[in-house]
């Protein structure tokens, strides 16, 4: 069985992404949790991960680290089950890969000023000007993908069916909920579709159980 090393569900946005993708794909896996912000956190993670960071996926002797690399690996596993986790249309797939990579490498102010804190309610906080620019870009991405691809594909996610791109943006849905970010209708509806996923609710409940 696959094993996924993850950090605290309350805080670890990077861990959420491959965890959610595995859940949505229906691929069984075992969680190996590591508590973050502890004196021995680094030592515990390095037992598994050469990068010293979570998440890490173990498939037998194969180790895959970095959220986007793990998502790509999971997408290959899902394809063997005839479950595409990237859009089948080439133009849609190109957009999905682009926005996933942008989420992976960008939005530093959003990460800094609106860090993931699942279950907390901090309305009005984090309104740094650069963070608000990041919020505006997320809204632009969500709206554009939904209007150009998702709505035509008859599904609630960025490209209709759930894809890697949705897993990459899932932590942002939690952030917007935590900080009470007001969104225009298309973006708000998409955020709500992510938050309504049973797997997202499972993650949130577990995050609440972790405490501070």
N, C-alpha and C. Protein backbone atom coordinates (compact mmCIF):
# COMPACT_ATOMS: atom_id res chain seq x y z
N UNK A 1 0.84 -1.20 0.00
CA UNK A 1 0.00 0.00 0.00
C UNK A 1 0.87 1.25 0.00
N UNK A 2 0.41 2.28 -0.68
CA UNK A 2 1.11 3.56 -0.66
C UNK A 2 1.14 4.12 0.75
N UNK A 3 2.19 4.85 1.06
CA UNK A 3 2.31 5.55 2.33
C UNK A 3 2.60 7.02 2.06
N UNK A 4 1.86 7.91 2.72
CA UNK A 4 2.02 9.35 2.52
C UNK A 4 2.42 9.99 3.84
N UNK A 5 3.61 10.57 3.86
CA UNK A 5 4.09 11.29 5.04
C UNK A 5 3.55 12.72 4.96
N UNK A 6 2.84 13.13 6.00
CA UNK A 6 2.22 14.45 5.99
C UNK A 6 2.50 15.18 7.29
N UNK A 7 2.36 16.52 7.24
CA UNK A 7 2.45 17.34 8.44
C UNK A 7 1.08 17.56 9.05
N UNK A 8 1.01 18.44 10.03
CA UNK A 8 -0.24 18.73 10.72
C UNK A 8 -1.32 19.16 9.73
N UNK A 9 -2.51 18.60 9.87
CA UNK A 9 -3.59 18.95 8.97
C UNK A 9 -4.08 20.39 9.17
N UNK A 10 -3.84 20.91 10.33
CA UNK A 10 -4.25 22.30 10.59
C UNK A 10 -3.43 23.29 9.76
N UNK A 11 -2.17 22.97 9.56
CA UNK A 11 -1.26 23.95 8.97
C UNK A 11 -0.64 23.56 7.63
N UNK A 12 -0.53 22.27 7.33
CA UNK A 12 0.31 21.85 6.20
C UNK A 12 -0.46 21.85 4.88
N UNK A 13 -0.43 22.98 4.22
CA UNK A 13 -1.10 23.10 2.92
C UNK A 13 -0.46 22.18 1.89
N UNK A 14 0.85 22.01 1.96
CA UNK A 14 1.54 21.15 0.98
C UNK A 14 1.10 19.71 1.15
N UNK A 15 0.86 19.27 2.38
CA UNK A 15 0.43 17.89 2.61
C UNK A 15 -0.99 17.65 2.10
N UNK A 16 -1.84 18.67 2.22
CA UNK A 16 -3.23 18.53 1.80
C UNK A 16 -3.34 18.16 0.33
N UNK A 17 -2.51 18.73 -0.50
CA UNK A 17 -2.69 18.58 -1.95
C UNK A 17 -2.65 17.13 -2.41
N UNK A 18 -1.57 16.39 -2.16
CA UNK A 18 -1.57 14.98 -2.61
C UNK A 18 -2.53 14.11 -1.81
N UNK A 19 -2.73 14.43 -0.54
CA UNK A 19 -3.69 13.67 0.28
C UNK A 19 -5.07 13.73 -0.35
N UNK A 20 -5.50 14.94 -0.72
CA UNK A 20 -6.83 15.13 -1.32
C UNK A 20 -6.91 14.43 -2.67
N UNK A 21 -5.85 14.51 -3.45
CA UNK A 21 -5.87 13.87 -4.77
C UNK A 21 -6.01 12.36 -4.64
N UNK A 22 -5.29 11.78 -3.70
CA UNK A 22 -5.42 10.33 -3.48
C UNK A 22 -6.83 9.97 -3.05
N UNK A 23 -7.41 10.77 -2.17
CA UNK A 23 -8.78 10.51 -1.72
C UNK A 23 -9.75 10.59 -2.89
N UNK A 24 -9.63 11.63 -3.70
CA UNK A 24 -10.53 11.81 -4.83
C UNK A 24 -10.37 10.72 -5.88
N UNK A 25 -9.16 10.20 -5.98
CA UNK A 25 -8.91 9.13 -6.95
C UNK A 25 -9.33 7.76 -6.41
N UNK A 26 -9.62 7.68 -5.12
CA UNK A 26 -10.00 6.41 -4.53
C UNK A 26 -8.85 5.42 -4.43
N UNK A 27 -7.64 5.94 -4.31
CA UNK A 27 -6.46 5.09 -4.21
C UNK A 27 -6.11 4.90 -2.73
N UNK A 28 -6.13 3.68 -2.22
CA UNK A 28 -5.85 3.47 -0.80
C UNK A 28 -4.41 3.88 -0.45
N UNK A 29 -4.25 4.43 0.75
CA UNK A 29 -2.92 4.79 1.23
C UNK A 29 -2.95 4.87 2.75
N UNK A 30 -1.77 4.76 3.32
CA UNK A 30 -1.60 4.89 4.76
C UNK A 30 -0.99 6.25 5.06
N UNK A 31 -1.53 6.94 6.05
CA UNK A 31 -0.97 8.21 6.48
C UNK A 31 0.13 7.98 7.51
N UNK A 32 1.23 8.70 7.33
CA UNK A 32 2.30 8.72 8.32
C UNK A 32 2.46 10.17 8.78
N UNK A 33 1.78 10.55 9.86
CA UNK A 33 1.80 11.96 10.27
C UNK A 33 3.06 12.32 11.05
N UNK A 34 3.55 13.53 10.82
CA UNK A 34 4.66 14.09 11.57
C UNK A 34 4.20 15.43 12.13
N UNK A 35 4.30 15.60 13.43
CA UNK A 35 3.91 16.88 14.03
C UNK A 35 4.92 17.95 13.67
N UNK A 36 4.41 19.08 13.22
CA UNK A 36 5.26 20.20 12.85
C UNK A 36 5.53 21.08 14.08
N UNK A 37 6.52 21.94 13.95
CA UNK A 37 6.82 22.95 14.98
C UNK A 37 7.20 22.32 16.31
N UNK A 38 7.83 21.14 16.23
CA UNK A 38 8.33 20.46 17.42
C UNK A 38 9.86 20.42 17.36
N UNK A 39 10.46 20.19 18.50
CA UNK A 39 11.93 20.18 18.55
C UNK A 39 12.53 19.12 17.64
N UNK A 40 11.83 18.00 17.48
CA UNK A 40 12.38 16.90 16.68
C UNK A 40 11.72 16.77 15.31
N UNK A 41 10.99 17.81 14.87
CA UNK A 41 10.27 17.71 13.60
C UNK A 41 11.22 17.40 12.44
N UNK A 42 12.30 18.14 12.35
CA UNK A 42 13.24 17.92 11.25
C UNK A 42 13.80 16.51 11.25
N UNK A 43 14.16 16.01 12.42
CA UNK A 43 14.68 14.65 12.55
C UNK A 43 13.65 13.62 12.11
N UNK A 44 12.40 13.83 12.52
CA UNK A 44 11.34 12.88 12.17
C UNK A 44 11.09 12.86 10.65
N UNK A 45 11.09 14.03 10.03
CA UNK A 45 10.85 14.09 8.58
C UNK A 45 12.00 13.45 7.81
N UNK A 46 13.22 13.69 8.26
CA UNK A 46 14.39 13.16 7.53
C UNK A 46 14.49 11.64 7.63
N UNK A 47 13.72 11.02 8.52
CA UNK A 47 13.64 9.56 8.52
C UNK A 47 13.07 9.05 7.20
N UNK A 48 12.26 9.89 6.56
CA UNK A 48 11.58 9.49 5.33
C UNK A 48 12.06 10.26 4.10
N UNK A 49 12.26 11.57 4.27
CA UNK A 49 12.37 12.46 3.11
C UNK A 49 13.77 13.03 2.95
N UNK A 50 14.40 12.85 1.79
CA UNK A 50 15.72 13.43 1.56
C UNK A 50 15.70 14.95 1.50
N UNK A 51 14.53 15.53 1.23
CA UNK A 51 14.43 16.99 1.17
C UNK A 51 14.27 17.61 2.55
N UNK A 52 13.94 16.78 3.55
CA UNK A 52 13.70 17.29 4.89
C UNK A 52 12.38 18.01 5.02
N UNK A 53 11.46 17.76 4.06
CA UNK A 53 10.17 18.44 4.06
C UNK A 53 9.06 17.43 3.81
N UNK A 54 7.86 17.80 4.23
CA UNK A 54 6.67 17.02 3.89
C UNK A 54 5.93 17.76 2.78
N UNK A 55 5.16 16.99 1.98
CA UNK A 55 4.86 15.57 2.05
C UNK A 55 5.89 14.73 1.31
N UNK A 56 5.76 13.42 1.52
CA UNK A 56 6.55 12.45 0.77
C UNK A 56 5.68 11.22 0.56
N UNK A 57 5.71 10.68 -0.65
CA UNK A 57 4.95 9.48 -0.98
C UNK A 57 5.90 8.31 -1.13
N UNK A 58 5.55 7.19 -0.50
CA UNK A 58 6.32 5.97 -0.63
C UNK A 58 5.47 4.92 -1.33
N UNK A 59 6.00 4.39 -2.42
CA UNK A 59 5.36 3.31 -3.16
C UNK A 59 6.39 2.19 -3.28
N UNK A 60 6.38 1.30 -2.29
CA UNK A 60 7.44 0.32 -2.23
C UNK A 60 8.77 1.02 -2.00
N UNK A 61 9.74 0.73 -2.86
CA UNK A 61 11.05 1.35 -2.73
C UNK A 61 11.11 2.74 -3.35
N UNK A 62 10.05 3.13 -4.05
CA UNK A 62 10.02 4.43 -4.72
C UNK A 62 9.59 5.51 -3.75
N UNK A 63 10.37 6.58 -3.71
CA UNK A 63 10.03 7.74 -2.89
C UNK A 63 9.86 8.96 -3.78
N UNK A 64 8.76 9.66 -3.57
CA UNK A 64 8.47 10.86 -4.36
C UNK A 64 8.20 12.00 -3.39
N UNK A 65 8.95 13.08 -3.52
CA UNK A 65 8.74 14.23 -2.65
C UNK A 65 8.40 15.45 -3.48
N UNK A 66 7.89 16.46 -2.81
CA UNK A 66 7.36 17.68 -3.42
C UNK A 66 5.91 17.44 -3.87
N UNK A 67 5.03 18.35 -3.46
CA UNK A 67 3.59 18.16 -3.69
C UNK A 67 3.24 17.94 -5.15
N UNK A 68 3.79 18.78 -6.03
CA UNK A 68 3.40 18.68 -7.43
C UNK A 68 3.94 17.39 -8.05
N UNK A 69 5.16 16.99 -7.68
CA UNK A 69 5.71 15.73 -8.19
C UNK A 69 4.86 14.55 -7.72
N UNK A 70 4.41 14.59 -6.47
CA UNK A 70 3.56 13.51 -5.97
C UNK A 70 2.24 13.49 -6.73
N UNK A 71 1.67 14.67 -6.96
CA UNK A 71 0.41 14.73 -7.71
C UNK A 71 0.57 14.16 -9.11
N UNK A 72 1.69 14.43 -9.76
CA UNK A 72 1.94 13.86 -11.08
C UNK A 72 2.02 12.33 -10.99
N UNK A 73 2.66 11.83 -9.96
CA UNK A 73 2.79 10.39 -9.78
C UNK A 73 1.41 9.75 -9.54
N UNK A 74 0.60 10.41 -8.70
CA UNK A 74 -0.74 9.90 -8.44
C UNK A 74 -1.58 9.92 -9.71
N UNK A 75 -1.42 10.97 -10.52
CA UNK A 75 -2.17 11.05 -11.78
C UNK A 75 -1.81 9.88 -12.69
N UNK A 76 -0.54 9.45 -12.69
CA UNK A 76 -0.16 8.28 -13.48
C UNK A 76 -0.80 7.01 -12.93
N UNK A 77 -0.82 6.87 -11.61
CA UNK A 77 -1.47 5.70 -11.01
C UNK A 77 -2.96 5.68 -11.34
N UNK A 78 -3.60 6.84 -11.26
CA UNK A 78 -5.03 6.92 -11.54
C UNK A 78 -5.32 6.61 -13.00
N UNK A 79 -4.42 7.01 -13.90
CA UNK A 79 -4.63 6.73 -15.32
C UNK A 79 -4.69 5.24 -15.59
N UNK A 80 -3.96 4.46 -14.79
CA UNK A 80 -4.02 3.00 -14.92
C UNK A 80 -5.39 2.46 -14.57
N UNK A 81 -6.15 3.24 -13.81
CA UNK A 81 -7.52 2.85 -13.42
C UNK A 81 -8.56 3.53 -14.31
N UNK A 82 -8.12 4.14 -15.38
CA UNK A 82 -8.99 4.86 -16.29
C UNK A 82 -9.69 6.03 -15.60
N UNK A 83 -8.96 6.68 -14.70
CA UNK A 83 -9.47 7.87 -14.03
C UNK A 83 -8.53 9.03 -14.33
N UNK A 84 -8.85 9.86 -15.31
CA UNK A 84 -7.95 10.96 -15.64
C UNK A 84 -7.97 12.04 -14.56
N UNK A 85 -6.79 12.43 -14.11
CA UNK A 85 -6.68 13.51 -13.13
C UNK A 85 -6.09 14.78 -13.74
N UNK A 86 -5.90 14.75 -15.04
CA UNK A 86 -5.66 15.96 -15.84
C UNK A 86 -6.76 16.01 -16.90
N UNK A 87 -7.17 17.20 -17.32
CA UNK A 87 -8.19 17.28 -18.37
C UNK A 87 -7.75 16.54 -19.63
N UNK A 88 -8.68 15.93 -20.30
CA UNK A 88 -8.35 15.17 -21.50
C UNK A 88 -8.12 16.08 -22.71
N UNK A 89 -8.82 17.22 -22.77
CA UNK A 89 -8.61 18.18 -23.85
C UNK A 89 -7.23 18.82 -23.72
N UNK A 90 -6.50 18.91 -24.83
CA UNK A 90 -5.11 19.38 -24.77
C UNK A 90 -5.02 20.82 -24.27
N UNK A 91 -5.87 21.71 -24.76
CA UNK A 91 -5.82 23.11 -24.34
C UNK A 91 -6.16 23.23 -22.86
N UNK A 92 -7.17 22.50 -22.42
CA UNK A 92 -7.54 22.53 -21.00
C UNK A 92 -6.41 21.95 -20.14
N UNK A 93 -5.80 20.88 -20.62
CA UNK A 93 -4.70 20.26 -19.87
C UNK A 93 -3.51 21.21 -19.76
N UNK A 94 -3.22 21.93 -20.84
CA UNK A 94 -2.13 22.90 -20.80
C UNK A 94 -2.41 24.00 -19.78
N UNK A 95 -3.65 24.49 -19.74
CA UNK A 95 -4.01 25.51 -18.75
C UNK A 95 -3.93 24.93 -17.35
N UNK A 96 -4.41 23.71 -17.17
CA UNK A 96 -4.39 23.10 -15.84
C UNK A 96 -2.96 22.95 -15.34
N UNK A 97 -2.06 22.52 -16.20
CA UNK A 97 -0.66 22.38 -15.79
C UNK A 97 -0.05 23.75 -15.48
N UNK A 98 -0.41 24.75 -16.25
CA UNK A 98 0.14 26.09 -16.04
C UNK A 98 -0.30 26.68 -14.70
N UNK A 99 -1.60 26.58 -14.41
CA UNK A 99 -2.07 27.18 -13.16
C UNK A 99 -1.60 26.36 -11.95
N UNK A 100 -1.43 25.05 -12.13
CA UNK A 100 -0.91 24.23 -11.04
C UNK A 100 0.54 24.62 -10.72
N UNK A 101 1.33 24.81 -11.77
CA UNK A 101 2.72 25.22 -11.56
C UNK A 101 2.80 26.62 -10.97
N UNK A 102 1.91 27.52 -11.41
CA UNK A 102 1.89 28.88 -10.87
C UNK A 102 1.56 28.85 -9.38
N UNK A 103 0.58 28.03 -9.00
CA UNK A 103 0.24 27.91 -7.59
C UNK A 103 1.40 27.34 -6.80
N UNK A 104 2.09 26.39 -7.39
CA UNK A 104 3.19 25.71 -6.71
C UNK A 104 4.35 26.66 -6.43
N UNK A 105 4.64 27.55 -7.37
CA UNK A 105 5.84 28.37 -7.26
C UNK A 105 5.58 29.81 -6.85
N UNK A 106 4.31 30.23 -6.86
CA UNK A 106 4.02 31.64 -6.65
C UNK A 106 3.23 31.94 -5.39
N UNK A 107 2.64 33.13 -5.37
CA UNK A 107 1.77 33.59 -4.29
C UNK A 107 2.47 33.64 -2.92
N UNK A 108 3.68 34.20 -2.87
CA UNK A 108 4.41 34.23 -1.59
C UNK A 108 3.73 35.09 -0.53
N UNK A 109 3.12 36.20 -0.94
CA UNK A 109 2.49 37.08 0.06
C UNK A 109 1.24 36.42 0.64
N UNK A 110 0.49 35.72 -0.19
CA UNK A 110 -0.68 35.01 0.31
C UNK A 110 -0.26 33.95 1.34
N UNK A 111 0.82 33.23 1.05
CA UNK A 111 1.31 32.21 1.98
C UNK A 111 1.76 32.85 3.29
N UNK A 112 2.41 34.02 3.19
CA UNK A 112 2.96 34.67 4.38
C UNK A 112 1.88 35.28 5.26
N UNK A 113 0.95 36.00 4.65
CA UNK A 113 -0.01 36.80 5.42
C UNK A 113 -1.33 36.09 5.65
N UNK A 114 -1.61 35.03 4.88
CA UNK A 114 -2.84 34.26 5.07
C UNK A 114 -2.48 32.78 5.11
N UNK A 115 -1.61 32.44 6.03
CA UNK A 115 -1.19 31.06 6.16
C UNK A 115 -2.36 30.14 6.48
N UNK A 116 -2.26 28.87 6.05
CA UNK A 116 -3.36 27.95 6.29
C UNK A 116 -3.48 27.66 7.78
N UNK A 117 -4.68 27.82 8.30
CA UNK A 117 -4.98 27.56 9.71
C UNK A 117 -6.41 27.02 9.75
N UNK A 118 -6.55 25.74 9.42
CA UNK A 118 -7.87 25.15 9.21
C UNK A 118 -8.68 25.21 10.51
N UNK A 119 -9.89 25.70 10.40
CA UNK A 119 -10.78 25.79 11.54
C UNK A 119 -10.75 27.13 12.23
N UNK A 120 -9.68 27.90 12.06
CA UNK A 120 -9.62 29.24 12.66
C UNK A 120 -10.51 30.19 11.87
N UNK A 121 -10.95 31.25 12.52
CA UNK A 121 -11.72 32.29 11.86
C UNK A 121 -11.06 33.62 12.20
N UNK A 122 -10.42 34.21 11.19
CA UNK A 122 -9.64 35.44 11.36
C UNK A 122 -10.06 36.48 10.33
N UNK A 123 -11.36 36.82 10.29
CA UNK A 123 -11.84 37.73 9.25
C UNK A 123 -11.16 39.09 9.32
N UNK A 124 -10.77 39.59 8.16
CA UNK A 124 -10.14 40.90 8.08
C UNK A 124 -8.65 40.89 8.26
N UNK A 125 -8.08 39.82 8.78
CA UNK A 125 -6.63 39.77 8.95
C UNK A 125 -5.95 39.38 7.63
N UNK A 126 -4.65 39.66 7.57
CA UNK A 126 -3.86 39.26 6.42
C UNK A 126 -4.00 40.15 5.20
N UNK A 127 -4.62 41.34 5.37
CA UNK A 127 -4.90 42.19 4.21
C UNK A 127 -3.70 43.04 3.79
N UNK A 128 -2.53 42.44 3.72
CA UNK A 128 -1.36 43.10 3.17
C UNK A 128 -1.59 43.41 1.69
N UNK A 129 -1.14 44.56 1.19
CA UNK A 129 -1.38 44.90 -0.22
C UNK A 129 -0.88 43.84 -1.20
N UNK A 130 0.28 43.26 -0.93
CA UNK A 130 0.78 42.22 -1.83
C UNK A 130 -0.05 40.95 -1.74
N UNK A 131 -0.53 40.64 -0.53
CA UNK A 131 -1.40 39.48 -0.39
C UNK A 131 -2.70 39.68 -1.15
N UNK A 132 -3.22 40.89 -1.14
CA UNK A 132 -4.46 41.18 -1.88
C UNK A 132 -4.23 41.07 -3.38
N UNK A 133 -3.03 41.38 -3.85
CA UNK A 133 -2.72 41.17 -5.26
C UNK A 133 -2.73 39.67 -5.58
N UNK A 134 -2.20 38.88 -4.66
CA UNK A 134 -2.24 37.43 -4.86
C UNK A 134 -3.68 36.92 -4.88
N UNK A 135 -4.51 37.43 -3.97
CA UNK A 135 -5.92 37.05 -3.95
C UNK A 135 -6.57 37.36 -5.29
N UNK A 136 -6.30 38.55 -5.81
CA UNK A 136 -6.89 38.95 -7.09
C UNK A 136 -6.46 38.02 -8.21
N UNK A 137 -5.21 37.60 -8.17
CA UNK A 137 -4.74 36.67 -9.21
C UNK A 137 -5.41 35.32 -9.08
N UNK A 138 -5.59 34.82 -7.86
CA UNK A 138 -6.31 33.56 -7.67
C UNK A 138 -7.72 33.67 -8.22
N UNK A 139 -8.39 34.76 -7.92
CA UNK A 139 -9.76 34.96 -8.43
C UNK A 139 -9.77 34.98 -9.95
N UNK A 140 -8.76 35.62 -10.53
CA UNK A 140 -8.65 35.65 -11.99
C UNK A 140 -8.49 34.24 -12.56
N UNK A 141 -7.64 33.44 -11.93
CA UNK A 141 -7.42 32.07 -12.39
C UNK A 141 -8.69 31.26 -12.26
N UNK A 142 -9.29 31.30 -11.09
CA UNK A 142 -10.50 30.51 -10.87
C UNK A 142 -11.61 30.90 -11.84
N UNK A 143 -11.82 32.18 -11.99
CA UNK A 143 -12.90 32.64 -12.86
C UNK A 143 -12.64 32.27 -14.31
N UNK A 144 -11.40 32.49 -14.76
CA UNK A 144 -11.07 32.16 -16.14
C UNK A 144 -11.21 30.69 -16.45
N UNK A 145 -10.70 29.84 -15.56
CA UNK A 145 -10.80 28.39 -15.79
C UNK A 145 -12.24 27.92 -15.77
N UNK A 146 -13.01 28.41 -14.82
CA UNK A 146 -14.41 28.01 -14.76
C UNK A 146 -15.17 28.44 -16.01
N UNK A 147 -14.97 29.68 -16.42
CA UNK A 147 -15.75 30.20 -17.54
C UNK A 147 -15.31 29.61 -18.87
N UNK A 148 -14.02 29.37 -19.04
CA UNK A 148 -13.51 28.87 -20.32
C UNK A 148 -13.58 27.36 -20.44
N UNK A 149 -13.49 26.65 -19.33
CA UNK A 149 -13.40 25.20 -19.39
C UNK A 149 -14.40 24.48 -18.49
N UNK A 150 -14.51 24.90 -17.24
CA UNK A 150 -15.28 24.15 -16.27
C UNK A 150 -16.76 24.11 -16.54
N UNK A 151 -17.33 25.25 -16.87
CA UNK A 151 -18.78 25.30 -17.07
C UNK A 151 -19.18 24.47 -18.29
N UNK A 152 -18.39 24.53 -19.33
CA UNK A 152 -18.71 23.76 -20.54
C UNK A 152 -18.58 22.26 -20.29
N UNK A 153 -17.72 21.89 -19.35
CA UNK A 153 -17.51 20.47 -19.05
C UNK A 153 -18.55 19.92 -18.08
N UNK A 154 -19.45 20.78 -17.62
CA UNK A 154 -20.57 20.34 -16.78
C UNK A 154 -20.11 19.68 -15.49
N UNK A 155 -19.26 20.39 -14.78
CA UNK A 155 -18.81 19.93 -13.46
C UNK A 155 -18.47 21.14 -12.62
N UNK A 156 -18.36 20.99 -11.29
CA UNK A 156 -18.20 22.14 -10.41
C UNK A 156 -16.76 22.63 -10.23
N UNK A 157 -15.80 21.91 -10.84
CA UNK A 157 -14.40 22.24 -10.56
C UNK A 157 -13.79 23.05 -11.70
N UNK A 158 -12.52 23.38 -11.60
CA UNK A 158 -11.91 24.32 -12.54
C UNK A 158 -12.07 23.87 -13.98
N UNK A 159 -11.94 22.56 -14.21
CA UNK A 159 -12.05 22.03 -15.57
C UNK A 159 -13.19 21.02 -15.69
N UNK A 160 -14.18 21.20 -14.84
CA UNK A 160 -15.33 20.30 -14.81
C UNK A 160 -15.13 19.22 -13.78
N UNK A 161 -14.49 18.12 -14.17
CA UNK A 161 -14.17 17.04 -13.23
C UNK A 161 -12.99 17.45 -12.35
N UNK A 162 -12.90 16.84 -11.19
CA UNK A 162 -11.79 17.13 -10.27
C UNK A 162 -10.47 16.75 -10.92
N UNK A 163 -9.48 17.61 -10.76
CA UNK A 163 -8.17 17.38 -11.37
C UNK A 163 -7.07 17.80 -10.41
N UNK A 164 -5.83 17.58 -10.84
CA UNK A 164 -4.68 18.02 -10.06
C UNK A 164 -4.76 19.50 -9.75
N UNK A 165 -5.25 20.30 -10.69
CA UNK A 165 -5.35 21.74 -10.47
C UNK A 165 -6.21 22.06 -9.26
N UNK A 166 -7.29 21.33 -9.07
CA UNK A 166 -8.16 21.56 -7.91
C UNK A 166 -7.45 21.19 -6.62
N UNK A 167 -6.69 20.10 -6.64
CA UNK A 167 -5.92 19.73 -5.45
C UNK A 167 -4.90 20.81 -5.11
N UNK A 168 -4.29 21.41 -6.12
CA UNK A 168 -3.30 22.45 -5.87
C UNK A 168 -3.92 23.70 -5.24
N UNK A 169 -5.16 23.99 -5.58
CA UNK A 169 -5.80 25.20 -5.04
C UNK A 169 -6.65 24.93 -3.81
N UNK A 170 -6.79 23.67 -3.40
CA UNK A 170 -7.63 23.35 -2.25
C UNK A 170 -7.23 24.09 -0.98
N UNK A 171 -5.93 24.22 -0.66
CA UNK A 171 -5.58 24.96 0.56
C UNK A 171 -6.03 26.42 0.51
N UNK A 172 -6.11 26.99 -0.67
CA UNK A 172 -6.55 28.37 -0.79
C UNK A 172 -8.01 28.51 -0.38
N UNK A 173 -8.81 27.50 -0.67
CA UNK A 173 -10.21 27.53 -0.23
C UNK A 173 -10.28 27.60 1.28
N UNK A 174 -9.46 26.83 1.98
CA UNK A 174 -9.42 26.92 3.44
C UNK A 174 -8.94 28.29 3.89
N UNK A 175 -7.93 28.84 3.22
CA UNK A 175 -7.43 30.16 3.59
C UNK A 175 -8.51 31.23 3.44
N UNK A 176 -9.21 31.20 2.33
CA UNK A 176 -10.25 32.20 2.12
C UNK A 176 -11.36 32.08 3.16
N UNK A 177 -11.65 30.85 3.58
CA UNK A 177 -12.64 30.64 4.64
C UNK A 177 -12.12 31.20 5.96
N UNK A 178 -10.88 30.91 6.28
CA UNK A 178 -10.31 31.36 7.56
C UNK A 178 -10.28 32.87 7.66
N UNK A 179 -9.88 33.55 6.59
CA UNK A 179 -9.67 34.99 6.65
C UNK A 179 -10.87 35.80 6.14
N UNK A 180 -11.96 35.11 5.87
CA UNK A 180 -13.19 35.79 5.47
C UNK A 180 -13.04 36.61 4.20
N UNK A 181 -12.30 36.07 3.22
CA UNK A 181 -12.08 36.80 1.97
C UNK A 181 -13.36 36.80 1.15
N UNK A 182 -13.82 37.97 0.79
CA UNK A 182 -15.02 38.09 -0.05
C UNK A 182 -14.65 37.84 -1.50
N UNK A 183 -15.45 37.03 -2.16
CA UNK A 183 -15.16 36.63 -3.53
C UNK A 183 -16.34 36.93 -4.43
N UNK A 184 -16.09 37.20 -5.71
CA UNK A 184 -17.19 37.34 -6.67
C UNK A 184 -17.87 35.99 -6.88
N UNK A 185 -19.06 35.98 -7.47
CA UNK A 185 -19.89 34.76 -7.48
C UNK A 185 -19.22 33.52 -8.05
N UNK A 186 -18.55 33.63 -9.19
CA UNK A 186 -17.97 32.42 -9.81
C UNK A 186 -16.91 31.82 -8.89
N UNK A 187 -16.04 32.66 -8.34
CA UNK A 187 -14.99 32.18 -7.46
C UNK A 187 -15.57 31.64 -6.15
N UNK A 188 -16.58 32.31 -5.62
CA UNK A 188 -17.19 31.86 -4.37
C UNK A 188 -17.85 30.49 -4.54
N UNK A 189 -18.51 30.29 -5.66
CA UNK A 189 -19.17 29.01 -5.92
C UNK A 189 -18.14 27.89 -6.03
N UNK A 190 -17.02 28.18 -6.67
CA UNK A 190 -15.96 27.19 -6.78
C UNK A 190 -15.34 26.88 -5.42
N UNK A 191 -15.06 27.92 -4.63
CA UNK A 191 -14.55 27.69 -3.27
C UNK A 191 -15.48 26.78 -2.49
N UNK A 192 -16.77 27.05 -2.58
CA UNK A 192 -17.74 26.25 -1.83
C UNK A 192 -17.78 24.81 -2.31
N UNK A 193 -17.57 24.60 -3.62
CA UNK A 193 -17.54 23.23 -4.15
C UNK A 193 -16.36 22.45 -3.56
N UNK A 194 -15.21 23.11 -3.43
CA UNK A 194 -14.06 22.46 -2.81
C UNK A 194 -14.32 22.15 -1.35
N UNK A 195 -14.83 23.14 -0.61
CA UNK A 195 -15.05 22.95 0.82
C UNK A 195 -16.11 21.89 1.12
N UNK A 196 -17.02 21.66 0.16
CA UNK A 196 -18.09 20.70 0.36
C UNK A 196 -17.66 19.25 0.12
N UNK A 197 -16.48 19.05 -0.47
CA UNK A 197 -16.01 17.69 -0.72
C UNK A 197 -15.92 16.92 0.60
N UNK A 198 -16.43 15.69 0.65
CA UNK A 198 -16.30 14.90 1.88
C UNK A 198 -14.86 14.78 2.36
N UNK A 199 -13.92 14.65 1.45
CA UNK A 199 -12.52 14.54 1.84
C UNK A 199 -12.02 15.82 2.49
N UNK A 200 -12.45 16.98 1.98
CA UNK A 200 -12.07 18.25 2.59
C UNK A 200 -12.68 18.37 3.99
N UNK A 201 -13.90 17.92 4.14
CA UNK A 201 -14.53 17.95 5.45
C UNK A 201 -13.84 16.99 6.42
N UNK A 202 -13.41 15.85 5.91
CA UNK A 202 -12.65 14.90 6.73
C UNK A 202 -11.34 15.53 7.20
N UNK A 203 -10.64 16.19 6.29
CA UNK A 203 -9.39 16.87 6.63
C UNK A 203 -9.64 17.94 7.70
N UNK A 204 -10.69 18.74 7.51
CA UNK A 204 -11.00 19.82 8.45
C UNK A 204 -11.31 19.28 9.84
N UNK A 205 -12.07 18.19 9.90
CA UNK A 205 -12.42 17.60 11.19
C UNK A 205 -11.18 17.08 11.90
N UNK A 206 -10.28 16.47 11.15
CA UNK A 206 -9.03 15.97 11.73
C UNK A 206 -8.15 17.13 12.20
N UNK A 207 -8.15 18.23 11.43
CA UNK A 207 -7.38 19.40 11.82
C UNK A 207 -7.89 19.98 13.13
N UNK A 208 -9.20 20.02 13.29
CA UNK A 208 -9.78 20.52 14.52
C UNK A 208 -9.40 19.62 15.69
N UNK A 209 -9.34 18.33 15.48
CA UNK A 209 -9.00 17.39 16.55
C UNK A 209 -7.55 17.51 16.98
N UNK A 210 -6.68 18.04 16.08
CA UNK A 210 -5.27 18.19 16.44
C UNK A 210 -5.06 19.26 17.52
N UNK A 211 -5.99 20.22 17.60
CA UNK A 211 -5.80 21.33 18.52
C UNK A 211 -4.76 22.29 18.03
N UNK A 212 -4.19 23.05 18.95
CA UNK A 212 -3.23 24.09 18.58
C UNK A 212 -1.90 23.46 18.17
